[in-house]
Amino acid sequence: MIKIFTTETFDKLFANLDKKIQIKAAKKTEVFKGNPFNQILCTEKLHPKKFDVWCFRVDINYRIIFKFLERDKVLFMYIGHHNKIYNYDIFK
C-alpha cells in the first residue's frame, strides 16, 4: 500500500476544487494507493524526465502531479486542470 504525503500547495488547490472533482480525486487516490500504475489512472512520467515527476488522471480534465519519495511513499505536489498543470513550475 502506497503512503501519500501532500504539499501545502496541493492541499490548498484541493480545498478550492469543486466538490465533485474532490470526490473523484479521492476515489482515484484509493486506486492509486493499491497500484499507482493501474490502467484506469493513465499514470505517466512528465518531461523533463530527469526530474522524476509523474501524473495520473482524476478524470478527463484533472490531473494529480506527484513524485516518488521511496518505493511505497509518494508526494502529491499539485492538482488541477490539465491545461494548467503543465505550466506549473514544479521543477524548482
N, C-alpha and C. Protein backbone atom coordinates (compact mmCIF):
# COMPACT_ATOMS: atom_id res chain seq x y z
N MET A 1 0.85 -1.18 0.00
CA MET A 1 0.00 0.00 0.00
C MET A 1 0.89 1.25 0.00
N ILE A 2 0.58 2.16 -0.87
CA ILE A 2 1.34 3.40 -1.01
C ILE A 2 0.92 4.39 0.09
N LYS A 3 1.90 5.01 0.72
CA LYS A 3 1.63 6.07 1.69
C LYS A 3 1.79 7.41 0.97
N ILE A 4 0.80 8.30 1.14
CA ILE A 4 0.77 9.56 0.42
C ILE A 4 1.00 10.74 1.35
N PHE A 5 1.90 11.61 0.96
CA PHE A 5 2.14 12.88 1.63
C PHE A 5 1.72 13.97 0.66
N THR A 6 1.37 15.13 1.17
CA THR A 6 0.93 16.24 0.30
C THR A 6 1.68 17.51 0.65
N THR A 7 1.84 18.35 -0.37
CA THR A 7 2.43 19.67 -0.15
C THR A 7 1.33 20.64 0.28
N GLU A 8 1.74 21.74 0.81
CA GLU A 8 0.79 22.80 1.18
C GLU A 8 0.06 23.30 -0.07
N THR A 9 0.78 23.40 -1.16
CA THR A 9 0.17 23.83 -2.43
C THR A 9 -0.93 22.85 -2.84
N PHE A 10 -0.64 21.56 -2.80
CA PHE A 10 -1.64 20.56 -3.15
C PHE A 10 -2.88 20.70 -2.26
N ASP A 11 -2.67 20.82 -0.97
CA ASP A 11 -3.79 20.93 -0.03
C ASP A 11 -4.68 22.14 -0.34
N LYS A 12 -4.06 23.26 -0.63
CA LYS A 12 -4.83 24.48 -0.95
C LYS A 12 -5.62 24.31 -2.25
N LEU A 13 -4.95 23.77 -3.26
CA LEU A 13 -5.62 23.57 -4.55
C LEU A 13 -6.78 22.59 -4.42
N PHE A 14 -6.56 21.51 -3.69
CA PHE A 14 -7.60 20.50 -3.48
C PHE A 14 -8.81 21.12 -2.78
N ALA A 15 -8.56 21.92 -1.75
CA ALA A 15 -9.64 22.55 -0.99
C ALA A 15 -10.49 23.49 -1.85
N ASN A 16 -9.89 24.06 -2.88
CA ASN A 16 -10.60 25.00 -3.74
C ASN A 16 -11.28 24.35 -4.94
N LEU A 17 -11.12 23.04 -5.10
CA LEU A 17 -11.77 22.34 -6.21
C LEU A 17 -13.26 22.18 -5.95
N ASP A 18 -14.01 22.05 -7.04
CA ASP A 18 -15.42 21.70 -6.95
C ASP A 18 -15.55 20.38 -6.20
N LYS A 19 -16.59 20.25 -5.40
CA LYS A 19 -16.80 19.05 -4.58
C LYS A 19 -16.81 17.77 -5.42
N LYS A 20 -17.39 17.82 -6.62
CA LYS A 20 -17.43 16.64 -7.49
C LYS A 20 -16.03 16.18 -7.87
N ILE A 21 -15.14 17.13 -8.14
CA ILE A 21 -13.76 16.79 -8.50
C ILE A 21 -13.03 16.25 -7.27
N GLN A 22 -13.30 16.81 -6.10
CA GLN A 22 -12.69 16.30 -4.87
C GLN A 22 -13.06 14.83 -4.65
N ILE A 23 -14.32 14.50 -4.89
CA ILE A 23 -14.79 13.12 -4.71
C ILE A 23 -14.10 12.19 -5.71
N LYS A 24 -14.03 12.63 -6.98
CA LYS A 24 -13.33 11.83 -7.99
C LYS A 24 -11.87 11.63 -7.62
N ALA A 25 -11.22 12.70 -7.15
CA ALA A 25 -9.81 12.62 -6.77
C ALA A 25 -9.62 11.65 -5.61
N ALA A 26 -10.52 11.67 -4.65
CA ALA A 26 -10.42 10.75 -3.51
C ALA A 26 -10.57 9.30 -3.97
N LYS A 27 -11.49 9.05 -4.89
CA LYS A 27 -11.68 7.69 -5.40
C LYS A 27 -10.46 7.22 -6.18
N LYS A 28 -9.91 8.08 -7.03
CA LYS A 28 -8.73 7.70 -7.80
C LYS A 28 -7.51 7.53 -6.90
N THR A 29 -7.44 8.31 -5.82
CA THR A 29 -6.35 8.17 -4.87
C THR A 29 -6.38 6.80 -4.21
N GLU A 30 -7.57 6.29 -3.93
CA GLU A 30 -7.69 4.95 -3.36
C GLU A 30 -7.17 3.89 -4.33
N VAL A 31 -7.49 4.06 -5.61
CA VAL A 31 -6.96 3.14 -6.63
C VAL A 31 -5.43 3.25 -6.65
N PHE A 32 -4.93 4.48 -6.63
CA PHE A 32 -3.50 4.76 -6.67
C PHE A 32 -2.77 4.08 -5.51
N LYS A 33 -3.36 4.14 -4.33
CA LYS A 33 -2.73 3.53 -3.15
C LYS A 33 -2.49 2.03 -3.35
N GLY A 34 -3.41 1.38 -4.02
CA GLY A 34 -3.27 -0.05 -4.29
C GLY A 34 -2.30 -0.36 -5.40
N ASN A 35 -2.28 0.49 -6.44
CA ASN A 35 -1.40 0.29 -7.58
C ASN A 35 -1.28 1.60 -8.35
N PRO A 36 -0.16 2.33 -8.18
CA PRO A 36 -0.03 3.63 -8.85
C PRO A 36 0.03 3.54 -10.37
N PHE A 37 0.15 2.31 -10.90
CA PHE A 37 0.20 2.14 -12.34
C PHE A 37 -1.02 1.39 -12.87
N ASN A 38 -2.10 1.40 -12.11
CA ASN A 38 -3.36 0.83 -12.57
C ASN A 38 -3.75 1.54 -13.86
N GLN A 39 -4.20 0.78 -14.86
CA GLN A 39 -4.52 1.37 -16.18
C GLN A 39 -5.56 2.48 -16.10
N ILE A 40 -6.47 2.40 -15.15
CA ILE A 40 -7.53 3.41 -15.05
C ILE A 40 -6.96 4.80 -14.75
N LEU A 41 -5.75 4.85 -14.18
CA LEU A 41 -5.14 6.12 -13.79
C LEU A 41 -4.38 6.80 -14.93
N CYS A 42 -3.97 6.04 -15.93
CA CYS A 42 -3.17 6.58 -17.04
C CYS A 42 -1.92 7.31 -16.52
N THR A 43 -1.23 6.69 -15.58
CA THR A 43 -0.04 7.29 -14.97
C THR A 43 1.05 7.46 -16.03
N GLU A 44 1.70 8.63 -15.99
CA GLU A 44 2.78 8.88 -16.94
C GLU A 44 3.85 9.77 -16.32
N LYS A 45 5.06 9.57 -16.79
CA LYS A 45 6.19 10.39 -16.34
C LYS A 45 6.19 11.67 -17.15
N LEU A 46 6.38 12.80 -16.46
CA LEU A 46 6.36 14.09 -17.14
C LEU A 46 7.76 14.50 -17.59
N HIS A 47 7.80 15.37 -18.57
CA HIS A 47 9.06 15.91 -19.09
C HIS A 47 9.40 17.19 -18.35
N PRO A 48 10.65 17.51 -18.14
CA PRO A 48 11.79 16.69 -18.46
C PRO A 48 11.91 15.52 -17.48
N LYS A 49 12.19 14.36 -18.02
CA LYS A 49 12.18 13.12 -17.25
C LYS A 49 13.22 13.09 -16.13
N LYS A 50 14.26 13.89 -16.24
CA LYS A 50 15.31 13.89 -15.22
C LYS A 50 14.80 14.31 -13.85
N PHE A 51 13.65 15.00 -13.79
CA PHE A 51 13.10 15.44 -12.52
C PHE A 51 12.26 14.37 -11.84
N ASP A 52 12.00 13.28 -12.55
CA ASP A 52 11.31 12.14 -11.97
C ASP A 52 9.94 12.51 -11.38
N VAL A 53 9.18 13.31 -12.11
CA VAL A 53 7.85 13.75 -11.69
C VAL A 53 6.81 13.05 -12.56
N TRP A 54 5.73 12.61 -11.94
CA TRP A 54 4.69 11.83 -12.60
C TRP A 54 3.34 12.49 -12.45
N CYS A 55 2.36 12.02 -13.22
CA CYS A 55 0.98 12.45 -13.02
C CYS A 55 0.03 11.30 -13.29
N PHE A 56 -1.18 11.43 -12.75
CA PHE A 56 -2.24 10.48 -13.10
C PHE A 56 -3.55 11.25 -13.24
N ARG A 57 -4.50 10.63 -13.95
CA ARG A 57 -5.77 11.28 -14.25
C ARG A 57 -6.78 11.11 -13.13
N VAL A 58 -7.38 12.22 -12.74
CA VAL A 58 -8.54 12.20 -11.85
C VAL A 58 -9.77 11.94 -12.72
N ASP A 59 -9.81 12.66 -13.83
CA ASP A 59 -10.83 12.44 -14.88
C ASP A 59 -10.26 12.97 -16.18
N ILE A 60 -11.09 13.16 -17.17
CA ILE A 60 -10.58 13.59 -18.48
C ILE A 60 -9.87 14.95 -18.41
N ASN A 61 -10.24 15.79 -17.45
CA ASN A 61 -9.68 17.14 -17.38
C ASN A 61 -8.67 17.38 -16.25
N TYR A 62 -8.78 16.65 -15.17
CA TYR A 62 -7.96 16.94 -13.98
C TYR A 62 -6.87 15.90 -13.76
N ARG A 63 -5.71 16.39 -13.26
CA ARG A 63 -4.56 15.55 -13.01
C ARG A 63 -3.99 15.81 -11.62
N ILE A 64 -3.33 14.80 -11.09
CA ILE A 64 -2.54 14.95 -9.87
C ILE A 64 -1.09 14.72 -10.25
N ILE A 65 -0.23 15.67 -9.88
CA ILE A 65 1.21 15.55 -10.11
C ILE A 65 1.84 15.07 -8.82
N PHE A 66 2.73 14.08 -8.95
CA PHE A 66 3.35 13.52 -7.76
C PHE A 66 4.79 13.10 -8.05
N LYS A 67 5.49 12.80 -6.97
CA LYS A 67 6.87 12.33 -7.07
C LYS A 67 7.04 11.17 -6.09
N PHE A 68 7.72 10.12 -6.53
CA PHE A 68 8.04 9.02 -5.63
C PHE A 68 9.15 9.46 -4.68
N LEU A 69 8.90 9.32 -3.38
CA LEU A 69 9.93 9.60 -2.38
C LEU A 69 10.72 8.34 -2.08
N GLU A 70 9.99 7.25 -2.01
CA GLU A 70 10.54 5.91 -1.83
C GLU A 70 9.62 4.98 -2.61
N ARG A 71 9.93 3.70 -2.59
CA ARG A 71 9.12 2.73 -3.34
C ARG A 71 7.65 2.78 -2.95
N ASP A 72 7.38 2.97 -1.67
CA ASP A 72 6.00 2.94 -1.17
C ASP A 72 5.53 4.27 -0.59
N LYS A 73 6.25 5.35 -0.90
CA LYS A 73 5.88 6.68 -0.41
C LYS A 73 5.92 7.67 -1.57
N VAL A 74 4.86 8.48 -1.68
CA VAL A 74 4.81 9.49 -2.73
C VAL A 74 4.40 10.83 -2.15
N LEU A 75 4.75 11.87 -2.88
CA LEU A 75 4.39 13.23 -2.52
C LEU A 75 3.47 13.78 -3.59
N PHE A 76 2.22 14.07 -3.22
CA PHE A 76 1.30 14.74 -4.13
C PHE A 76 1.65 16.22 -4.09
N MET A 77 2.02 16.77 -5.26
CA MET A 77 2.53 18.13 -5.34
C MET A 77 1.51 19.14 -5.85
N TYR A 78 0.63 18.68 -6.75
CA TYR A 78 -0.25 19.62 -7.44
C TYR A 78 -1.46 18.88 -7.97
N ILE A 79 -2.60 19.55 -7.95
CA ILE A 79 -3.81 19.02 -8.57
C ILE A 79 -4.47 20.15 -9.34
N GLY A 80 -4.92 19.86 -10.54
CA GLY A 80 -5.56 20.90 -11.32
C GLY A 80 -5.95 20.44 -12.71
N HIS A 81 -6.54 21.36 -13.44
CA HIS A 81 -6.95 21.12 -14.81
C HIS A 81 -5.71 20.87 -15.66
N HIS A 82 -5.79 19.90 -16.56
CA HIS A 82 -4.61 19.54 -17.36
C HIS A 82 -4.07 20.70 -18.18
N ASN A 83 -4.90 21.68 -18.53
CA ASN A 83 -4.41 22.84 -19.28
C ASN A 83 -3.51 23.72 -18.42
N LYS A 84 -3.63 23.62 -17.12
CA LYS A 84 -2.84 24.46 -16.22
C LYS A 84 -1.66 23.73 -15.60
N ILE A 85 -1.77 22.45 -15.36
CA ILE A 85 -0.71 21.77 -14.61
C ILE A 85 0.60 21.70 -15.38
N TYR A 86 0.54 21.65 -16.67
CA TYR A 86 1.77 21.51 -17.43
C TYR A 86 2.52 22.85 -17.52
N ASN A 87 1.89 23.91 -17.08
CA ASN A 87 2.57 25.22 -16.98
C ASN A 87 3.08 25.46 -15.57
N TYR A 88 2.69 24.60 -14.64
CA TYR A 88 3.08 24.74 -13.24
C TYR A 88 4.57 24.48 -13.08
N ASP A 89 5.23 25.35 -12.36
CA ASP A 89 6.68 25.25 -12.21
C ASP A 89 7.03 24.32 -11.06
N ILE A 90 6.88 23.02 -11.28
CA ILE A 90 7.11 22.03 -10.24
C ILE A 90 8.57 21.64 -10.13
N PHE A 91 9.38 22.12 -11.01
CA PHE A 91 10.75 21.64 -11.08
C PHE A 91 11.75 22.50 -10.31
N LYS A 92 11.28 23.48 -9.57
CA LYS A 92 12.21 24.32 -8.79
C LYS A 92 12.22 23.89 -7.36
